[in-house]
Amino acid sequence: MGGFGGSLKNISIGCASGKLGKLQIHREGSRTWADGPHFMERMVEGGKAITDHFGRDITYINVLRNMSISCDCEGLGAAPVTLPDLGILASTDILAIDKASVDMIYALPEDVRKPMVERIESRSGLRQLTYMKEMGMGNEQYELITV
């Protein structure tokens, strides 16, 4: 549902408290399920609670390896890997690392990136990035340093 699984998705969904926390992220209002941009906004709000709690004591790591259009939660039923390994990113800025990760995917040749871009855009996945910026969760400007 997240369109892409970067650091925001992992801390938001991963750190949500049991059934209640995950329900709060997946729900829009008292009875309907969030989808598209509303789901992205709930994920960002959940992630903001985590980043506000831990402050600057978090380092984010995105591993852009063995990527497919499926979520890791799909396990053995996941779609096959379709993207090349792009490396490992690390940052203390959650917005910068997720933006850099998405930018690296969008920089791939069109025939290679197409399925992932369609997945991201069909689920309003880029809303994560714009809403993180609106919520003051980091800087969308970054510098890639190869180590």
Foldseek 3Di string as FASTA:
>chain_A
DQLDDFQLQCCQCVVQPPPVRNCQLQPDPDDHGDFALSSLLSSLVSSVVVCVVCPQVDKTKDFQDQDDLDDCVCPPNDDGRQAHGDGMDIDSQRLQVVLVVVVVLVPDPCVRSVVSVCSCVVRNNCSNNVSCVVVVRGDNDDDDDDD
